Structures are given as structure tokens and as C-alpha cells.
């Protein structure tokens, strides 16, 4: 049911990882973790998360991106 919207949701939640509010970043991270369970190809998601972590100016944003990438990998296995 959500599969047609996965690219848009992925982009929205990935952008939310750069929000200044920690609560928003954590909710975006949780939502991305849930998307992994229905995503057939997670490679683009990981690529986008790693890119977001590299480009982040704020260390808390960078750590959140790294955290969700790691958590997603563990959840996906």
C-alpha cells in the first residue's frame, strides 16, 4: 500500500534528519527504520543516509544519521 510512495517518504524522512530539533530527528530515524521493513531495495536508502551524515554540519545530526544507518542495517539482517 505504501510502496508507491517509498521514494517520497524516504526523501522526506532523510531531510528531517537534518532538522535542528532532536525529537524530529529521532522520529524521522524511527520512520526510516520502519520503511526498511517494506522496502525491497534498501541500497538507495543507505546511500542517502551516508550522504546525509557526510554533509551534516552539526555533530548531533551526523550522529543521528550514523545511528539510523547502523540500526537499519541491524534491523534489515
PDB file of N, CA and C in Angstrom:
ATOM      1  N   UNK A   1       0.815  -1.193   0.000  1.00  0.00           N
ATOM      2  CA  UNK A   1       0.000   0.000   0.000  1.00  0.00           C
ATOM      3  C   UNK A   1       0.864   1.265   0.000  1.00  0.00           C
ATOM      4  N   UNK A   2       1.960   1.264   0.730  1.00  0.00           N
ATOM      5  CA  UNK A   2       2.841   2.428   0.778  1.00  0.00           C
ATOM      6  C   UNK A   2       3.952   2.388  -0.264  1.00  0.00           C
ATOM      7  N   UNK A   3       4.150   1.253  -0.905  1.00  0.00           N
ATOM      8  CA  UNK A   3       5.286   1.094  -1.809  1.00  0.00           C
ATOM      9  C   UNK A   3       5.392   2.170  -2.887  1.00  0.00           C
ATOM     10  N   UNK A   4       4.291   2.626  -3.477  1.00  0.00           N
ATOM     11  CA  UNK A   4       4.446   3.677  -4.492  1.00  0.00           C
ATOM     12  C   UNK A   4       4.996   4.988  -3.926  1.00  0.00           C
ATOM     13  N   UNK A   5       4.863   5.190  -2.638  1.00  0.00           N
ATOM     14  CA  UNK A   5       5.286   6.441  -2.006  1.00  0.00           C
ATOM     15  C   UNK A   5       6.637   6.338  -1.308  1.00  0.00           C
ATOM     16  N   UNK A   6       7.289   5.182  -1.385  1.00  0.00           N
ATOM     17  CA  UNK A   6       8.551   4.985  -0.679  1.00  0.00           C
ATOM     18  C   UNK A   6       9.621   6.019  -1.037  1.00  0.00           C
ATOM     19  N   UNK A   7       9.839   6.339  -2.307  1.00  0.00           N
ATOM     20  CA  UNK A   7      10.879   7.337  -2.604  1.00  0.00           C
ATOM     21  C   UNK A   7      10.600   8.703  -1.974  1.00  0.00           C
ATOM     22  N   UNK A   8       9.343   9.140  -2.016  1.00  0.00           N
ATOM     23  CA  UNK A   8       8.991  10.431  -1.427  1.00  0.00           C
ATOM     24  C   UNK A   8       9.111  10.409   0.089  1.00  0.00           C
ATOM     25  N   UNK A   9       8.665   9.327   0.706  1.00  0.00           N
ATOM     26  CA  UNK A   9       8.763   9.200   2.160  1.00  0.00           C
ATOM     27  C   UNK A   9      10.225   9.137   2.589  1.00  0.00           C
ATOM     28  N   UNK A  10      11.014   8.384   1.849  1.00  0.00           N
ATOM     29  CA  UNK A  10      12.437   8.260   2.162  1.00  0.00           C
ATOM     30  C   UNK A  10      13.111   9.625   2.110  1.00  0.00           C
ATOM     31  N   UNK A  11      12.822  10.399   1.073  1.00  0.00           N
ATOM     32  CA  UNK A  11      13.440  11.715   0.931  1.00  0.00           C
ATOM     33  C   UNK A  11      12.972  12.658   2.044  1.00  0.00           C
ATOM     34  N   UNK A  12      11.699  12.620   2.377  1.00  0.00           N
ATOM     35  CA  UNK A  12      11.159  13.479   3.427  1.00  0.00           C
ATOM     36  C   UNK A  12      11.787  13.169   4.775  1.00  0.00           C
ATOM     37  N   UNK A  13      11.860  11.878   5.118  1.00  0.00           N
ATOM     38  CA  UNK A  13      12.425  11.498   6.410  1.00  0.00           C
ATOM     39  C   UNK A  13      13.930  11.735   6.469  1.00  0.00           C
ATOM     40  N   UNK A  14      14.595  11.549   5.341  1.00  0.00           N
ATOM     41  CA  UNK A  14      16.035  11.805   5.310  1.00  0.00           C
ATOM     42  C   UNK A  14      16.311  13.295   5.510  1.00  0.00           C
ATOM     43  N   UNK A  15      15.507  14.136   4.898  1.00  0.00           N
ATOM     44  CA  UNK A  15      15.659  15.586   5.102  1.00  0.00           C
ATOM     45  C   UNK A  15      15.370  15.964   6.552  1.00  0.00           C
ATOM     46  N   UNK A  16      14.414  15.263   7.165  1.00  0.00           N
ATOM     47  CA  UNK A  16      14.075  15.542   8.556  1.00  0.00           C
ATOM     48  C   UNK A  16      15.219  15.189   9.510  1.00  0.00           C
ATOM     49  N   UNK A  17      16.130  14.330   9.075  1.00  0.00           N
ATOM     50  CA  UNK A  17      17.294  14.013   9.906  1.00  0.00           C
ATOM     51  C   UNK A  17      18.188  15.229  10.109  1.00  0.00           C
ATOM     52  N   UNK A  18      18.063  16.227   9.243  1.00  0.00           N
ATOM     53  CA  UNK A  18      18.853  17.456   9.357  1.00  0.00           C
ATOM     54  C   UNK A  18      18.156  18.544  10.159  1.00  0.00           C
ATOM     55  N   UNK A  19      17.003  18.246  10.706  1.00  0.00           N
ATOM     56  CA  UNK A  19      16.263  19.232  11.482  1.00  0.00           C
ATOM     57  C   UNK A  19      17.026  19.598  12.757  1.00  0.00           C
ATOM     58  N   UNK A  20      16.820  20.820  13.221  1.00  0.00           N
ATOM     59  CA  UNK A  20      17.513  21.254  14.435  1.00  0.00           C
ATOM     60  C   UNK A  20      16.941  20.615  15.697  1.00  0.00           C
ATOM     61  N   UNK A  21      15.707  20.159  15.622  1.00  0.00           N
ATOM     62  CA  UNK A  21      15.065  19.534  16.778  1.00  0.00           C
ATOM     63  C   UNK A  21      15.438  18.058  16.883  1.00  0.00           C
ATOM     64  N   UNK A  22      15.949  17.680  18.030  1.00  0.00           N
ATOM     65  CA  UNK A  22      16.329  16.278  18.256  1.00  0.00           C
ATOM     66  C   UNK A  22      15.118  15.362  18.155  1.00  0.00           C
ATOM     67  N   UNK A  23      13.965  15.800  18.644  1.00  0.00           N
ATOM     68  CA  UNK A  23      12.749  14.983  18.600  1.00  0.00           C
ATOM     69  C   UNK A  23      12.341  14.672  17.157  1.00  0.00           C
ATOM     70  N   UNK A  24      12.460  15.666  16.287  1.00  0.00           N
ATOM     71  CA  UNK A  24      12.125  15.466  14.873  1.00  0.00           C
ATOM     72  C   UNK A  24      13.096  14.473  14.246  1.00  0.00           C
ATOM     73  N   UNK A  25      14.390  14.623  14.554  1.00  0.00           N
ATOM     74  CA  UNK A  25      15.392  13.708  14.005  1.00  0.00           C
ATOM     75  C   UNK A  25      15.141  12.280  14.464  1.00  0.00           C
ATOM     76  N   UNK A  26      14.798  12.100  15.737  1.00  0.00           N
ATOM     77  CA  UNK A  26      14.553  10.745  16.251  1.00  0.00           C
ATOM     78  C   UNK A  26      13.307  10.124  15.626  1.00  0.00           C
ATOM     79  N   UNK A  27      12.275  10.922  15.414  1.00  0.00           N
ATOM     80  CA  UNK A  27      11.063  10.389  14.771  1.00  0.00           C
ATOM     81  C   UNK A  27      11.329  10.042  13.311  1.00  0.00           C
ATOM     82  N   UNK A  28      12.134  10.862  12.652  1.00  0.00           N
ATOM     83  CA  UNK A  28      12.499  10.562  11.265  1.00  0.00           C
ATOM     84  C   UNK A  28      13.310   9.280  11.210  1.00  0.00           C
ATOM     85  N   UNK A  29      14.205   9.114  12.153  1.00  0.00           N
ATOM     86  CA  UNK A  29      15.020   7.897  12.206  1.00  0.00           C
ATOM     87  C   UNK A  29      14.143   6.673  12.425  1.00  0.00           C
ATOM     88  N   UNK A  30      13.178   6.794  13.308  1.00  0.00           N
ATOM     89  CA  UNK A  30      12.254   5.687  13.567  1.00  0.00           C
ATOM     90  C   UNK A  30      11.439   5.366  12.320  1.00  0.00           C
ATOM     91  N   UNK A  31      10.960   6.398  11.645  1.00  0.00           N
ATOM     92  CA  UNK A  31      10.164   6.191  10.427  1.00  0.00           C
ATOM     93  C   UNK A  31      10.996   5.523   9.340  1.00  0.00           C
ATOM     94  N   UNK A  32      12.244   5.938   9.193  1.00  0.00           N
ATOM     95  CA  UNK A  32      13.119   5.297   8.207  1.00  0.00           C
ATOM     96  C   UNK A  32      13.349   3.832   8.552  1.00  0.00           C
ATOM     97  N   UNK A  33      13.494   3.551   9.833  1.00  0.00           N
ATOM     98  CA  UNK A  33      13.648   2.165  10.264  1.00  0.00           C
ATOM     99  C   UNK A  33      12.439   1.316   9.910  1.00  0.00           C
ATOM    100  N   UNK A  34      11.262   1.912   9.982  1.00  0.00           N
ATOM    101  CA  UNK A  34      10.048   1.185   9.618  1.00  0.00           C
ATOM    102  C   UNK A  34       9.924   1.016   8.108  1.00  0.00           C
ATOM    103  N   UNK A  35      10.414   1.998   7.355  1.00  0.00           N
ATOM    104  CA  UNK A  35      10.361   1.880   5.893  1.00  0.00           C
ATOM    105  C   UNK A  35      11.198   0.706   5.394  1.00  0.00           C
ATOM    106  N   UNK A  36      12.275   0.421   6.097  1.00  0.00           N
ATOM    107  CA  UNK A  36      13.168  -0.666   5.673  1.00  0.00           C
ATOM    108  C   UNK A  36      12.423  -1.994   5.620  1.00  0.00           C
ATOM    109  N   UNK A  37      11.476  -2.181   6.500  1.00  0.00           N
ATOM    110  CA  UNK A  37      10.767  -3.462   6.548  1.00  0.00           C
ATOM    111  C   UNK A  37       9.900  -3.692   5.314  1.00  0.00           C
ATOM    112  N   UNK A  38       9.507  -2.609   4.621  1.00  0.00           N
ATOM    113  CA  UNK A  38       8.676  -2.783   3.425  1.00  0.00           C
ATOM    114  C   UNK A  38       9.420  -2.442   2.137  1.00  0.00           C
ATOM    115  N   UNK A  39      10.628  -1.962   2.275  1.00  0.00           N
ATOM    116  CA  UNK A  39      11.428  -1.564   1.118  1.00  0.00           C
ATOM    117  C   UNK A  39      12.061  -2.790   0.487  1.00  0.00           C
ATOM    118  N   UNK A  40      11.924  -2.939  -0.825  1.00  0.00           N
ATOM    119  CA  UNK A  40      12.519  -4.102  -1.491  1.00  0.00           C
ATOM    120  C   UNK A  40      14.007  -3.901  -1.759  1.00  0.00           C
ATOM    121  N   UNK A  41      14.425  -2.660  -1.987  1.00  0.00           N
ATOM    122  CA  UNK A  41      15.846  -2.347  -2.221  1.00  0.00           C
ATOM    123  C   UNK A  41      16.259  -1.252  -1.254  1.00  0.00           C
ATOM    124  N   UNK A  42      17.086  -1.595  -0.311  1.00  0.00           N
ATOM    125  CA  UNK A  42      17.496  -0.616   0.699  1.00  0.00           C
ATOM    126  C   UNK A  42      18.796   0.100   0.342  1.00  0.00           C
ATOM    127  N   UNK A  43      19.451  -0.313  -0.734  1.00  0.00           N
ATOM    128  CA  UNK A  43      20.705   0.331  -1.134  1.00  0.00           C
ATOM    129  C   UNK A  43      20.569   1.844  -1.300  1.00  0.00           C
ATOM    130  N   UNK A  44      19.548   2.333  -2.012  1.00  0.00           N
ATOM    131  CA  UNK A  44      19.416   3.786  -2.149  1.00  0.00           C
ATOM    132  C   UNK A  44      19.209   4.492  -0.804  1.00  0.00           C
ATOM    133  N   UNK A  45      18.521   3.826   0.103  1.00  0.00           N
ATOM    134  CA  UNK A  45      18.312   4.408   1.429  1.00  0.00           C
ATOM    135  C   UNK A  45      19.630   4.546   2.170  1.00  0.00           C
ATOM    136  N   UNK A  46      20.438   3.498   2.160  1.00  0.00           N
ATOM    137  CA  UNK A  46      21.735   3.568   2.829  1.00  0.00           C
ATOM    138  C   UNK A  46      22.627   4.630   2.204  1.00  0.00           C
ATOM    139  N   UNK A  47      22.613   4.697   0.893  1.00  0.00           N
ATOM    140  CA  UNK A  47      23.416   5.702   0.191  1.00  0.00           C
ATOM    141  C   UNK A  47      23.001   7.105   0.605  1.00  0.00           C
ATOM    142  N   UNK A  48      21.704   7.332   0.685  1.00  0.00           N
ATOM    143  CA  UNK A  48      21.196   8.648   1.078  1.00  0.00           C
ATOM    144  C   UNK A  48      21.532   8.965   2.536  1.00  0.00           C
ATOM    145  N   UNK A  49      21.439   7.971   3.410  1.00  0.00           N
ATOM    146  CA  UNK A  49      21.761   8.194   4.818  1.00  0.00           C
ATOM    147  C   UNK A  49      23.243   8.495   5.025  1.00  0.00           C
ATOM    148  N   UNK A  50      24.083   7.790   4.314  1.00  0.00           N
ATOM    149  CA  UNK A  50      25.523   8.031   4.426  1.00  0.00           C
ATOM    150  C   UNK A  50      25.870   9.408   3.877  1.00  0.00           C
ATOM    151  N   UNK A  51      25.234   9.778   2.781  1.00  0.00           N
ATOM    152  CA  UNK A  51      25.453  11.108   2.200  1.00  0.00           C
ATOM    153  C   UNK A  51      25.017  12.195   3.181  1.00  0.00           C
ATOM    154  N   UNK A  52      23.876  11.989   3.836  1.00  0.00           N
ATOM    155  CA  UNK A  52      23.385  12.973   4.816  1.00  0.00           C
ATOM    156  C   UNK A  52      24.349  13.100   5.986  1.00  0.00           C
ATOM    157  N   UNK A  53      24.907  11.986   6.411  1.00  0.00           N
ATOM    158  CA  UNK A  53      25.862  12.016   7.527  1.00  0.00           C
ATOM    159  C   UNK A  53      27.127  12.769   7.137  1.00  0.00           C
ATOM    160  N   UNK A  54      27.599  12.562   5.921  1.00  0.00           N
ATOM    161  CA  UNK A  54      28.812  13.229   5.455  1.00  0.00           C
ATOM    162  C   UNK A  54      28.614  14.734   5.300  1.00  0.00           C
ATOM    163  N   UNK A  55      27.434  15.143   4.868  1.00  0.00           N
ATOM    164  CA  UNK A  55      27.177  16.553   4.566  1.00  0.00           C
ATOM    165  C   UNK A  55      26.699  17.357   5.767  1.00  0.00           C
ATOM    166  N   UNK A  56      26.400  16.694   6.865  1.00  0.00           N
ATOM    167  CA  UNK A  56      25.853  17.392   8.035  1.00  0.00           C
ATOM    168  C   UNK A  56      26.905  18.270   8.684  1.00  0.00           C
ATOM    169  N   UNK A  57      26.498  19.484   9.021  1.00  0.00           N
ATOM    170  CA  UNK A  57      27.389  20.412   9.714  1.00  0.00           C
ATOM    171  C   UNK A  57      27.384  20.172  11.221  1.00  0.00           C
ATOM    172  N   UNK A  58      26.236  19.798  11.737  1.00  0.00           N
ATOM    173  CA  UNK A  58      26.048  19.613  13.172  1.00  0.00           C
ATOM    174  C   UNK A  58      26.420  18.178  13.555  1.00  0.00           C
ATOM    175  N   UNK A  59      27.211  18.028  14.599  1.00  0.00           N
ATOM    176  CA  UNK A  59      27.625  16.684  15.010  1.00  0.00           C
ATOM    177  C   UNK A  59      26.459  15.837  15.489  1.00  0.00           C
ATOM    178  N   UNK A  60      25.433  16.457  16.084  1.00  0.00           N
ATOM    179  CA  UNK A  60      24.282  15.672  16.541  1.00  0.00           C
ATOM    180  C   UNK A  60      23.481  15.162  15.351  1.00  0.00           C
ATOM    181  N   UNK A  61      23.419  15.946  14.284  1.00  0.00           N
ATOM    182  CA  UNK A  61      22.748  15.489  13.065  1.00  0.00           C
ATOM    183  C   UNK A  61      23.538  14.343  12.448  1.00  0.00           C
ATOM    184  N   UNK A  62      24.849  14.492  12.411  1.00  0.00           N
ATOM    185  CA  UNK A  62      25.714  13.450  11.861  1.00  0.00           C
ATOM    186  C   UNK A  62      25.575  12.158  12.659  1.00  0.00           C
ATOM    187  N   UNK A  63      25.564  12.258  13.978  1.00  0.00           N
ATOM    188  CA  UNK A  63      25.460  11.054  14.800  1.00  0.00           C
ATOM    189  C   UNK A  63      24.101  10.387  14.639  1.00  0.00           C
ATOM    190  N   UNK A  64      23.058  11.182  14.449  1.00  0.00           N
ATOM    191  CA  UNK A  64      21.723  10.618  14.244  1.00  0.00           C
ATOM    192  C   UNK A  64      21.678   9.850  12.924  1.00  0.00           C
ATOM    193  N   UNK A  65      22.274  10.420  11.880  1.00  0.00           N
ATOM    194  CA  UNK A  65      22.320   9.735  10.586  1.00  0.00           C
ATOM    195  C   UNK A  65      23.108   8.439  10.675  1.00  0.00           C
ATOM    196  N   UNK A  66      24.210   8.479  11.385  1.00  0.00           N
ATOM    197  CA  UNK A  66      25.018   7.266  11.557  1.00  0.00           C
ATOM    198  C   UNK A  66      24.265   6.226  12.379  1.00  0.00           C
ATOM    199  N   UNK A  67      23.577   6.677  13.405  1.00  0.00           N
ATOM    200  CA  UNK A  67      22.813   5.768  14.254  1.00  0.00           C
ATOM    201  C   UNK A  67      21.729   5.054  13.456  1.00  0.00           C
ATOM    202  N   UNK A  68      20.956   5.806  12.679  1.00  0.00           N
ATOM    203  CA  UNK A  68      19.864   5.172  11.936  1.00  0.00           C
ATOM    204  C   UNK A  68      20.405   4.249  10.856  1.00  0.00           C
ATOM    205  N   UNK A  69      21.541   4.594  10.268  1.00  0.00           N
ATOM    206  CA  UNK A  69      22.144   3.700   9.277  1.00  0.00           C
ATOM    207  C   UNK A  69      22.517   2.374   9.922  1.00  0.00           C
ATOM    208  N   UNK A  70      23.167   2.442  11.070  1.00  0.00           N
ATOM    209  CA  UNK A  70      23.566   1.227  11.783  1.00  0.00           C
ATOM    210  C   UNK A  70      22.346   0.431  12.241  1.00  0.00           C
ATOM    211  N   UNK A  71      21.372   1.123  12.818  1.00  0.00           N
ATOM    212  CA  UNK A  71      20.173   0.444  13.313  1.00  0.00           C
ATOM    213  C   UNK A  71      19.400  -0.202  12.166  1.00  0.00           C
ATOM    214  N   UNK A  72      19.384   0.464  11.031  1.00  0.00           N
ATOM    215  CA  UNK A  72      18.666  -0.076   9.871  1.00  0.00           C
ATOM    216  C   UNK A  72      19.346  -1.320   9.348  1.00  0.00           C
ATOM    217  N   UNK A  73      20.667  -1.299   9.313  1.00  0.00           N
ATOM    218  CA  UNK A  73      21.405  -2.476   8.862  1.00  0.00           C
ATOM    219  C   UNK A  73      21.116  -3.658   9.779  1.00  0.00           C
ATOM    220  N   UNK A  74      21.140  -3.425  11.075  1.00  0.00           N
ATOM    221  CA  UNK A  74      20.871  -4.495  12.049  1.00  0.00           C
ATOM    222  C   UNK A  74      19.445  -5.000  11.899  1.00  0.00           C
ATOM    223  N   UNK A  75      18.497  -4.085  11.723  1.00  0.00           N
ATOM    224  CA  UNK A  75      17.085  -4.474  11.587  1.00  0.00           C
ATOM    225  C   UNK A  75      16.857  -5.246  10.288  1.00  0.00           C
ATOM    226  N   UNK A  76      17.540  -4.845   9.231  1.00  0.00           N
ATOM    227  CA  UNK A  76      17.354  -5.456   7.925  1.00  0.00           C
ATOM    228  C   UNK A  76      17.882  -6.876   7.864  1.00  0.00           C
ATOM    229  N   UNK A  77      18.948  -7.161   8.623  1.00  0.00           N
ATOM    230  CA  UNK A  77      19.530  -8.506   8.627  1.00  0.00           C
ATOM    231  C   UNK A  77      18.547  -9.429   9.210  1.00  0.00           C
TER     232      UNK A  77
END
